[in-house]
PDB file of all heavy atoms in Angstrom:
ATOM      1  N   LYS A   1      16.910   7.161   1.394  1.00  0.00           N
ATOM      2  CA  LYS A   1      16.072   8.351   1.609  1.00  0.00           C
ATOM      3  C   LYS A   1      15.007   8.457   0.528  1.00  0.00           C
ATOM      4  O   LYS A   1      13.838   8.719   0.807  1.00  0.00           O
ATOM      5  CB  LYS A   1      16.913   9.620   1.646  1.00  0.00           C
ATOM      6  CG  LYS A   1      17.693   9.801   2.910  1.00  0.00           C
ATOM      7  CD  LYS A   1      18.386  11.145   2.911  1.00  0.00           C
ATOM      8  CE  LYS A   1      19.165  11.344   4.200  1.00  0.00           C
ATOM      9  NZ  LYS A   1      19.825  12.653   4.223  1.00  0.00           N
ATOM     10  N   PHE A   2      15.427   8.247  -0.731  1.00  0.00           N
ATOM     11  CA  PHE A   2      14.466   8.356  -1.814  1.00  0.00           C
ATOM     12  C   PHE A   2      13.408   7.262  -1.738  1.00  0.00           C
ATOM     13  O   PHE A   2      12.221   7.535  -1.907  1.00  0.00           O
ATOM     14  CB  PHE A   2      15.151   8.322  -3.185  1.00  0.00           C
ATOM     15  CG  PHE A   2      14.153   8.344  -4.305  1.00  0.00           C
ATOM     16  CD1 PHE A   2      13.532   9.529  -4.661  1.00  0.00           C
ATOM     17  CD2 PHE A   2      13.792   7.183  -4.961  1.00  0.00           C
ATOM     18  CE1 PHE A   2      12.590   9.560  -5.665  1.00  0.00           C
ATOM     19  CE2 PHE A   2      12.847   7.198  -5.972  1.00  0.00           C
ATOM     20  CZ  PHE A   2      12.248   8.390  -6.328  1.00  0.00           C
ATOM     21  N   THR A   3      13.819   6.027  -1.513  1.00  0.00           N
ATOM     22  CA  THR A   3      12.836   4.934  -1.482  1.00  0.00           C
ATOM     23  C   THR A   3      11.869   5.100  -0.317  1.00  0.00           C
ATOM     24  O   THR A   3      10.685   4.795  -0.460  1.00  0.00           O
ATOM     25  CB  THR A   3      13.511   3.550  -1.439  1.00  0.00           C
ATOM     26  OG1 THR A   3      14.426   3.505  -0.358  1.00  0.00           O
ATOM     27  CG2 THR A   3      14.212   3.244  -2.739  1.00  0.00           C
ATOM     28  N   ALA A   4      12.350   5.604   0.816  1.00  0.00           N
ATOM     29  CA  ALA A   4      11.443   5.855   1.942  1.00  0.00           C
ATOM     30  C   ALA A   4      10.430   6.931   1.565  1.00  0.00           C
ATOM     31  O   ALA A   4       9.226   6.793   1.817  1.00  0.00           O
ATOM     32  CB  ALA A   4      12.233   6.268   3.175  1.00  0.00           C
ATOM     33  N   TYR A   5      10.912   8.014   0.927  1.00  0.00           N
ATOM     34  CA  TYR A   5      10.025   9.081   0.465  1.00  0.00           C
ATOM     35  C   TYR A   5       9.036   8.549  -0.572  1.00  0.00           C
ATOM     36  O   TYR A   5       7.839   8.811  -0.494  1.00  0.00           O
ATOM     37  CB  TYR A   5      10.854  10.224  -0.133  1.00  0.00           C
ATOM     38  CG  TYR A   5      10.072  11.134  -1.037  1.00  0.00           C
ATOM     39  CD1 TYR A   5       9.229  12.110  -0.513  1.00  0.00           C
ATOM     40  CD2 TYR A   5      10.149  10.993  -2.422  1.00  0.00           C
ATOM     41  CE1 TYR A   5       8.490  12.934  -1.353  1.00  0.00           C
ATOM     42  CE2 TYR A   5       9.414  11.812  -3.259  1.00  0.00           C
ATOM     43  CZ  TYR A   5       8.593  12.780  -2.719  1.00  0.00           C
ATOM     44  OH  TYR A   5       7.864  13.577  -3.543  1.00  0.00           O
ATOM     45  N   PHE A   6       9.536   7.797  -1.534  1.00  0.00           N
ATOM     46  CA  PHE A   6       8.689   7.283  -2.610  1.00  0.00           C
ATOM     47  C   PHE A   6       7.598   6.371  -2.056  1.00  0.00           C
ATOM     48  O   PHE A   6       6.428   6.478  -2.438  1.00  0.00           O
ATOM     49  CB  PHE A   6       9.557   6.537  -3.635  1.00  0.00           C
ATOM     50  CG  PHE A   6       8.808   6.156  -4.876  1.00  0.00           C
ATOM     51  CD1 PHE A   6       8.570   7.082  -5.871  1.00  0.00           C
ATOM     52  CD2 PHE A   6       8.339   4.867  -5.046  1.00  0.00           C
ATOM     53  CE1 PHE A   6       7.877   6.741  -7.023  1.00  0.00           C
ATOM     54  CE2 PHE A   6       7.647   4.509  -6.197  1.00  0.00           C
ATOM     55  CZ  PHE A   6       7.419   5.451  -7.178  1.00  0.00           C
ATOM     56  N   LYS A   7       7.962   5.477  -1.155  1.00  0.00           N
ATOM     57  CA  LYS A   7       6.962   4.572  -0.569  1.00  0.00           C
ATOM     58  C   LYS A   7       5.904   5.347   0.206  1.00  0.00           C
ATOM     59  O   LYS A   7       4.716   5.059   0.084  1.00  0.00           O
ATOM     60  CB  LYS A   7       7.639   3.551   0.352  1.00  0.00           C
ATOM     61  CG  LYS A   7       8.336   2.443  -0.394  1.00  0.00           C
ATOM     62  CD  LYS A   7       8.686   1.281   0.512  1.00  0.00           C
ATOM     63  CE  LYS A   7       9.954   1.519   1.249  1.00  0.00           C
ATOM     64  NZ  LYS A   7      10.440   0.344   1.991  1.00  0.00           N
ATOM     65  N   GLU A   8       6.342   6.330   0.982  1.00  0.00           N
ATOM     66  CA  GLU A   8       5.402   7.089   1.808  1.00  0.00           C
ATOM     67  C   GLU A   8       4.494   7.976   0.952  1.00  0.00           C
ATOM     68  O   GLU A   8       3.273   7.958   1.092  1.00  0.00           O
ATOM     69  CB  GLU A   8       6.161   7.941   2.823  1.00  0.00           C
ATOM     70  CG  GLU A   8       5.278   8.836   3.664  1.00  0.00           C
ATOM     71  CD  GLU A   8       4.322   8.082   4.566  1.00  0.00           C
ATOM     72  OE1 GLU A   8       4.615   6.933   4.945  1.00  0.00           O
ATOM     73  OE2 GLU A   8       3.254   8.643   4.893  1.00  0.00           O
ATOM     74  N   GLN A   9       5.084   8.763   0.064  1.00  0.00           N
ATOM     75  CA  GLN A   9       4.318   9.744  -0.697  1.00  0.00           C
ATOM     76  C   GLN A   9       3.551   9.145  -1.875  1.00  0.00           C
ATOM     77  O   GLN A   9       2.408   9.515  -2.113  1.00  0.00           O
ATOM     78  CB  GLN A   9       5.249  10.838  -1.227  1.00  0.00           C
ATOM     79  CG  GLN A   9       5.782  11.741  -0.152  1.00  0.00           C
ATOM     80  CD  GLN A   9       4.690  12.534   0.515  1.00  0.00           C
ATOM     81  OE1 GLN A   9       3.822  13.097  -0.134  1.00  0.00           O
ATOM     82  NE2 GLN A   9       4.719  12.574   1.835  1.00  0.00           N
ATOM     83  N   TRP A  10       4.185   8.248  -2.642  1.00  0.00           N
ATOM     84  CA  TRP A  10       3.619   7.819  -3.914  1.00  0.00           C
ATOM     85  C   TRP A  10       3.028   6.422  -3.909  1.00  0.00           C
ATOM     86  O   TRP A  10       2.277   6.073  -4.810  1.00  0.00           O
ATOM     87  CB  TRP A  10       4.656   7.959  -5.023  1.00  0.00           C
ATOM     88  CG  TRP A  10       5.047   9.385  -5.153  1.00  0.00           C
ATOM     89  CD1 TRP A  10       6.197   9.966  -4.732  1.00  0.00           C
ATOM     90  CD2 TRP A  10       4.241  10.434  -5.677  1.00  0.00           C
ATOM     91  NE1 TRP A  10       6.178  11.312  -4.968  1.00  0.00           N
ATOM     92  CE2 TRP A  10       4.974  11.628  -5.565  1.00  0.00           C
ATOM     93  CE3 TRP A  10       2.975  10.489  -6.248  1.00  0.00           C
ATOM     94  CZ2 TRP A  10       4.491  12.853  -5.985  1.00  0.00           C
ATOM     95  CZ3 TRP A  10       2.499  11.720  -6.669  1.00  0.00           C
ATOM     96  CH2 TRP A  10       3.245  12.871  -6.531  1.00  0.00           C
ATOM     97  N   LEU A  11       3.347   5.636  -2.910  1.00  0.00           N
ATOM     98  CA  LEU A  11       2.744   4.307  -2.834  1.00  0.00           C
ATOM     99  C   LEU A  11       1.752   4.192  -1.688  1.00  0.00           C
ATOM    100  O   LEU A  11       0.873   3.336  -1.729  1.00  0.00           O
ATOM    101  CB  LEU A  11       3.835   3.228  -2.713  1.00  0.00           C
ATOM    102  CG  LEU A  11       4.826   3.165  -3.880  1.00  0.00           C
ATOM    103  CD1 LEU A  11       5.865   2.086  -3.630  1.00  0.00           C
ATOM    104  CD2 LEU A  11       4.126   2.959  -5.202  1.00  0.00           C
ATOM    105  N   ALA A  12       1.856   5.052  -0.687  1.00  0.00           N
ATOM    106  CA  ALA A  12       0.925   4.999   0.440  1.00  0.00           C
ATOM    107  C   ALA A  12      -0.093   6.141   0.396  1.00  0.00           C
ATOM    108  O   ALA A  12      -1.297   5.904   0.359  1.00  0.00           O
ATOM    109  CB  ALA A  12       1.703   5.029   1.760  1.00  0.00           C
ATOM    110  N   GLN A  13       0.371   7.384   0.350  1.00  0.00           N
ATOM    111  CA  GLN A  13      -0.548   8.525   0.439  1.00  0.00           C
ATOM    112  C   GLN A  13      -1.204   8.891  -0.886  1.00  0.00           C
ATOM    113  O   GLN A  13      -2.394   9.195  -0.923  1.00  0.00           O
ATOM    114  CB  GLN A  13       0.193   9.753   0.986  1.00  0.00           C
ATOM    115  CG  GLN A  13       0.541   9.632   2.447  1.00  0.00           C
ATOM    116  CD  GLN A  13       1.203  10.899   2.971  1.00  0.00           C
ATOM    117  OE1 GLN A  13       1.331  11.896   2.260  1.00  0.00           O
ATOM    118  NE2 GLN A  13       1.635  10.867   4.217  1.00  0.00           N
ATOM    119  N   ASN A  14      -0.455   8.916  -1.962  1.00  0.00           N
ATOM    120  CA  ASN A  14      -0.965   9.352  -3.269  1.00  0.00           C
ATOM    121  C   ASN A  14      -0.943   8.175  -4.246  1.00  0.00           C
ATOM    122  O   ASN A  14      -0.186   8.168  -5.199  1.00  0.00           O
ATOM    123  CB  ASN A  14      -0.114  10.499  -3.819  1.00  0.00           C
ATOM    124  CG  ASN A  14      -0.080  11.673  -2.890  1.00  0.00           C
ATOM    125  OD1 ASN A  14      -1.119  12.181  -2.503  1.00  0.00           O
ATOM    126  ND2 ASN A  14       1.099  12.103  -2.513  1.00  0.00           N
ATOM    127  N   GLN A  15      -1.789   7.229  -4.033  1.00  0.00           N
ATOM    128  CA  GLN A  15      -1.749   5.985  -4.792  1.00  0.00           C
ATOM    129  C   GLN A  15      -2.295   6.102  -6.213  1.00  0.00           C
ATOM    130  O   GLN A  15      -2.038   5.236  -7.036  1.00  0.00           O
ATOM    131  CB  GLN A  15      -2.534   4.906  -4.060  1.00  0.00           C
ATOM    132  CG  GLN A  15      -2.007   4.609  -2.686  1.00  0.00           C
ATOM    133  CD  GLN A  15      -2.932   3.689  -1.915  1.00  0.00           C
ATOM    134  OE1 GLN A  15      -3.896   3.172  -2.463  1.00  0.00           O
ATOM    135  NE2 GLN A  15      -2.649   3.496  -0.648  1.00  0.00           N
ATOM    136  N   ASN A  16      -3.036   7.112  -6.521  1.00  0.00           N
ATOM    137  CA  ASN A  16      -3.740   7.198  -7.811  1.00  0.00           C
ATOM    138  C   ASN A  16      -3.023   8.060  -8.835  1.00  0.00           C
ATOM    139  O   ASN A  16      -3.635   8.852  -9.540  1.00  0.00           O
ATOM    140  CB  ASN A  16      -5.157   7.732  -7.579  1.00  0.00           C
ATOM    141  CG  ASN A  16      -5.954   6.808  -6.706  1.00  0.00           C
ATOM    142  OD1 ASN A  16      -5.754   5.600  -6.714  1.00  0.00           O
ATOM    143  ND2 ASN A  16      -6.859   7.368  -5.929  1.00  0.00           N
ATOM    144  N   TRP A  17      -1.741   7.891  -8.974  1.00  0.00           N
ATOM    145  CA  TRP A  17      -0.965   8.721  -9.887  1.00  0.00           C
ATOM    146  C   TRP A  17      -0.564   8.012 -11.175  1.00  0.00           C
ATOM    147  O   TRP A  17      -0.013   8.629 -12.072  1.00  0.00           O
ATOM    148  CB  TRP A  17       0.287   9.255  -9.190  1.00  0.00           C
ATOM    149  CG  TRP A  17       1.223   8.188  -8.726  1.00  0.00           C
ATOM    150  CD1 TRP A  17       1.140   7.499  -7.559  1.00  0.00           C
ATOM    151  CD2 TRP A  17       2.372   7.694  -9.397  1.00  0.00           C
ATOM    152  NE1 TRP A  17       2.169   6.601  -7.474  1.00  0.00           N
ATOM    153  CE2 TRP A  17       2.950   6.698  -8.592  1.00  0.00           C
ATOM    154  CE3 TRP A  17       2.980   7.989 -10.610  1.00  0.00           C
ATOM    155  CZ2 TRP A  17       4.087   6.004  -8.947  1.00  0.00           C
ATOM    156  CZ3 TRP A  17       4.130   7.287 -10.966  1.00  0.00           C
ATOM    157  CH2 TRP A  17       4.671   6.322 -10.137  1.00  0.00           C
ATOM    158  N   TYR A  18      -0.841   6.755 -11.295  1.00  0.00           N
ATOM    159  CA  TYR A  18      -0.450   6.036 -12.507  1.00  0.00           C
ATOM    160  C   TYR A  18      -1.671   5.834 -13.402  1.00  0.00           C
ATOM    161  O   TYR A  18      -2.808   5.967 -12.980  1.00  0.00           O
ATOM    162  CB  TYR A  18       0.237   4.714 -12.165  1.00  0.00           C
ATOM    163  CG  TYR A  18      -0.657   3.676 -11.542  1.00  0.00           C
ATOM    164  CD1 TYR A  18      -1.175   2.647 -12.299  1.00  0.00           C
ATOM    165  CD2 TYR A  18      -0.987   3.727 -10.194  1.00  0.00           C
ATOM    166  CE1 TYR A  18      -2.007   1.692 -11.736  1.00  0.00           C
ATOM    167  CE2 TYR A  18      -1.807   2.777  -9.627  1.00  0.00           C
ATOM    168  CZ  TYR A  18      -2.306   1.762 -10.399  1.00  0.00           C
ATOM    169  OH  TYR A  18      -3.137   0.827  -9.838  1.00  0.00           O
ATOM    170  N   LEU A  19      -1.425   5.530 -14.664  1.00  0.00           N
ATOM    171  CA  LEU A  19      -2.489   5.506 -15.660  1.00  0.00           C
ATOM    172  C   LEU A  19      -3.505   4.396 -15.454  1.00  0.00           C
ATOM    173  O   LEU A  19      -4.634   4.508 -15.903  1.00  0.00           O
ATOM    174  CB  LEU A  19      -1.891   5.398 -17.066  1.00  0.00           C
ATOM    175  CG  LEU A  19      -1.038   6.583 -17.494  1.00  0.00           C
ATOM    176  CD1 LEU A  19      -0.472   6.352 -18.877  1.00  0.00           C
ATOM    177  CD2 LEU A  19      -1.835   7.863 -17.451  1.00  0.00           C
ATOM    178  N   GLY A  20      -3.147   3.332 -14.767  1.00  0.00           N
ATOM    179  CA  GLY A  20      -4.065   2.219 -14.551  1.00  0.00           C
ATOM    180  C   GLY A  20      -5.214   2.546 -13.621  1.00  0.00           C
ATOM    181  O   GLY A  20      -6.195   1.807 -13.557  1.00  0.00           O
ATOM    182  N   VAL A  21      -5.133   3.643 -12.903  1.00  0.00           N
ATOM    183  CA  VAL A  21      -6.207   4.028 -11.985  1.00  0.00           C
ATOM    184  C   VAL A  21      -7.469   4.402 -12.758  1.00  0.00           C
ATOM    185  O   VAL A  21      -8.573   4.073 -12.364  1.00  0.00           O
ATOM    186  CB  VAL A  21      -5.756   5.195 -11.081  1.00  0.00           C
ATOM    187  CG1 VAL A  21      -6.891   5.694 -10.229  1.00  0.00           C
ATOM    188  CG2 VAL A  21      -4.596   4.763 -10.210  1.00  0.00           C
ATOM    189  N   ALA A  22      -7.310   5.060 -13.883  1.00  0.00           N
ATOM    190  CA  ALA A  22      -8.436   5.470 -14.728  1.00  0.00           C
ATOM    191  C   ALA A  22      -8.138   5.042 -16.160  1.00  0.00           C
ATOM    192  O   ALA A  22      -7.732   5.853 -16.985  1.00  0.00           O
ATOM    193  CB  ALA A  22      -8.660   6.967 -14.634  1.00  0.00           C
ATOM    194  N   PRO A  23      -8.330   3.772 -16.477  1.00  0.00           N
ATOM    195  CA  PRO A  23      -7.893   3.259 -17.776  1.00  0.00           C
ATOM    196  C   PRO A  23      -8.582   3.875 -18.989  1.00  0.00           C
ATOM    197  O   PRO A  23      -8.009   3.902 -20.063  1.00  0.00           O
ATOM    198  CB  PRO A  23      -8.190   1.766 -17.688  1.00  0.00           C
ATOM    199  CG  PRO A  23      -9.173   1.613 -16.591  1.00  0.00           C
ATOM    200  CD  PRO A  23      -8.963   2.756 -15.660  1.00  0.00           C
ATOM    201  N   THR A  24      -9.794   4.387 -18.840  1.00  0.00           N
ATOM    202  CA  THR A  24     -10.468   4.967 -20.003  1.00  0.00           C
ATOM    203  C   THR A  24     -10.154   6.445 -20.194  1.00  0.00           C
ATOM    204  O   THR A  24     -10.537   7.026 -21.189  1.00  0.00           O
ATOM    205  CB  THR A  24     -11.993   4.798 -19.883  1.00  0.00           C
ATOM    206  OG1 THR A  24     -12.433   5.440 -18.675  1.00  0.00           O
ATOM    207  CG2 THR A  24     -12.373   3.329 -19.855  1.00  0.00           C
ATOM    208  N   SER A  25      -9.463   7.033 -19.242  1.00  0.00           N
ATOM    209  CA  SER A  25      -9.118   8.452 -19.342  1.00  0.00           C
ATOM    210  C   SER A  25      -7.770   8.622 -20.022  1.00  0.00           C
ATOM    211  O   SER A  25      -6.853   7.849 -19.782  1.00  0.00           O
ATOM    212  CB  SER A  25      -9.038   9.079 -17.948  1.00  0.00           C
ATOM    213  OG  SER A  25     -10.280   9.000 -17.318  1.00  0.00           O
ATOM    214  N   PRO A  26      -7.641   9.641 -20.851  1.00  0.00           N
ATOM    215  CA  PRO A  26      -6.342   9.875 -21.470  1.00  0.00           C
ATOM    216  C   PRO A  26      -5.371  10.464 -20.462  1.00  0.00           C
ATOM    217  O   PRO A  26      -5.775  11.030 -19.449  1.00  0.00           O
ATOM    218  CB  PRO A  26      -6.656  10.887 -22.569  1.00  0.00           C
ATOM    219  CG  PRO A  26      -7.869  11.581 -22.085  1.00  0.00           C
ATOM    220  CD  PRO A  26      -8.655  10.567 -21.289  1.00  0.00           C
ATOM    221  N   SER A  27      -4.112  10.337 -20.749  1.00  0.00           N
ATOM    222  CA  SER A  27      -3.099  10.991 -19.933  1.00  0.00           C
ATOM    223  C   SER A  27      -3.305  12.492 -20.072  1.00  0.00           C
ATOM    224  O   SER A  27      -3.393  13.007 -21.180  1.00  0.00           O
ATOM    225  CB  SER A  27      -1.717  10.595 -20.416  1.00  0.00           C
ATOM    226  OG  SER A  27      -0.741  11.273 -19.685  1.00  0.00           O
ATOM    227  N   PRO A  28      -3.401  13.242 -18.975  1.00  0.00           N
ATOM    228  CA  PRO A  28      -3.787  14.645 -19.049  1.00  0.00           C
ATOM    229  C   PRO A  28      -2.982  15.495 -20.011  1.00  0.00           C
ATOM    230  O   PRO A  28      -3.545  16.197 -20.824  1.00  0.00           O
ATOM    231  CB  PRO A  28      -3.604  15.135 -17.617  1.00  0.00           C
ATOM    232  CG  PRO A  28      -3.763  13.934 -16.793  1.00  0.00           C
ATOM    233  CD  PRO A  28      -3.232  12.792 -17.613  1.00  0.00           C
ATOM    234  N   ASN A  29      -1.691  15.431 -19.949  1.00  0.00           N
ATOM    235  CA  ASN A  29      -0.899  16.266 -20.831  1.00  0.00           C
ATOM    236  C   ASN A  29      -1.116  15.918 -22.288  1.00  0.00           C
ATOM    237  O   ASN A  29      -1.285  16.794 -23.115  1.00  0.00           O
ATOM    238  CB  ASN A  29       0.584  16.120 -20.504  1.00  0.00           C
ATOM    239  CG  ASN A  29       1.062  17.213 -19.604  1.00  0.00           C
ATOM    240  OD1 ASN A  29       0.345  18.144 -19.319  1.00  0.00           O
ATOM    241  ND2 ASN A  29       2.282  17.083 -19.155  1.00  0.00           N
ATOM    242  N   ASN A  30      -1.088  14.647 -22.610  1.00  0.00           N
ATOM    243  CA  ASN A  30      -1.190  14.250 -24.005  1.00  0.00           C
ATOM    244  C   ASN A  30      -2.528  14.664 -24.609  1.00  0.00           C
ATOM    245  O   ASN A  30      -2.568  15.183 -25.720  1.00  0.00           O
ATOM    246  CB  ASN A  30      -0.992  12.745 -24.153  1.00  0.00           C
ATOM    247  CG  ASN A  30       0.417  12.330 -23.822  1.00  0.00           C
ATOM    248  OD1 ASN A  30       1.327  13.141 -23.821  1.00  0.00           O
ATOM    249  ND2 ASN A  30       0.598  11.064 -23.530  1.00  0.00           N
ATOM    250  N   ALA A  31      -3.610  14.427 -23.926  1.00  0.00           N
ATOM    251  CA  ALA A  31      -4.921  14.777 -24.454  1.00  0.00           C
ATOM    252  C   ALA A  31      -5.076  16.287 -24.581  1.00  0.00           C
ATOM    253  O   ALA A  31      -5.591  16.784 -25.590  1.00  0.00           O
ATOM    254  CB  ALA A  31      -6.019  14.209 -23.569  1.00  0.00           C
ATOM    255  N   LEU A  32      -4.629  17.000 -23.582  1.00  0.00           N
ATOM    256  CA  LEU A  32      -4.742  18.455 -23.611  1.00  0.00           C
ATOM    257  C   LEU A  32      -3.897  19.043 -24.734  1.00  0.00           C
ATOM    258  O   LEU A  32      -4.353  19.921 -25.474  1.00  0.00           O
ATOM    259  CB  LEU A  32      -4.316  19.050 -22.269  1.00  0.00           C
ATOM    260  CG  LEU A  32      -4.433  20.551 -22.127  1.00  0.00           C
ATOM    261  CD1 LEU A  32      -5.873  20.990 -22.316  1.00  0.00           C
ATOM    262  CD2 LEU A  32      -3.908  20.986 -20.781  1.00  0.00           C
ATOM    263  N   GLU A  33      -2.679  18.551 -24.886  1.00  0.00           N
ATOM    264  CA  GLU A  33      -1.815  19.055 -25.946  1.00  0.00           C
ATOM    265  C   GLU A  33      -2.366  18.713 -27.322  1.00  0.00           C
ATOM    266  O   GLU A  33      -2.296  19.515 -28.249  1.00  0.00           O
ATOM    267  CB  GLU A  33      -0.396  18.515 -25.776  1.00  0.00           C
ATOM    268  CG  GLU A  33       0.320  19.061 -24.559  1.00  0.00           C
ATOM    269  CD  GLU A  33       0.432  20.576 -24.545  1.00  0.00           C
ATOM    270  OE1 GLU A  33       0.623  21.185 -25.619  1.00  0.00           O
ATOM    271  OE2 GLU A  33       0.308  21.153 -23.457  1.00  0.00           O
ATOM    272  N   ALA A  34      -2.923  17.523 -27.472  1.00  0.00           N
ATOM    273  CA  ALA A  34      -3.502  17.129 -28.760  1.00  0.00           C
ATOM    274  C   ALA A  34      -4.699  18.014 -29.091  1.00  0.00           C
ATOM    275  O   ALA A  34      -4.865  18.464 -30.231  1.00  0.00           O
ATOM    276  CB  ALA A  34      -3.910  15.667 -28.729  1.00  0.00           C
TER     277      ALA A  34
END
């Protein structure tokens, strides 16, 4: 169930959630907190 959800939501529909998508941008939480 989890892998089906993960593939559908995070690998197919919402692909831009990992840091490699915008390599020059800081991770939002870390930069904001700093």
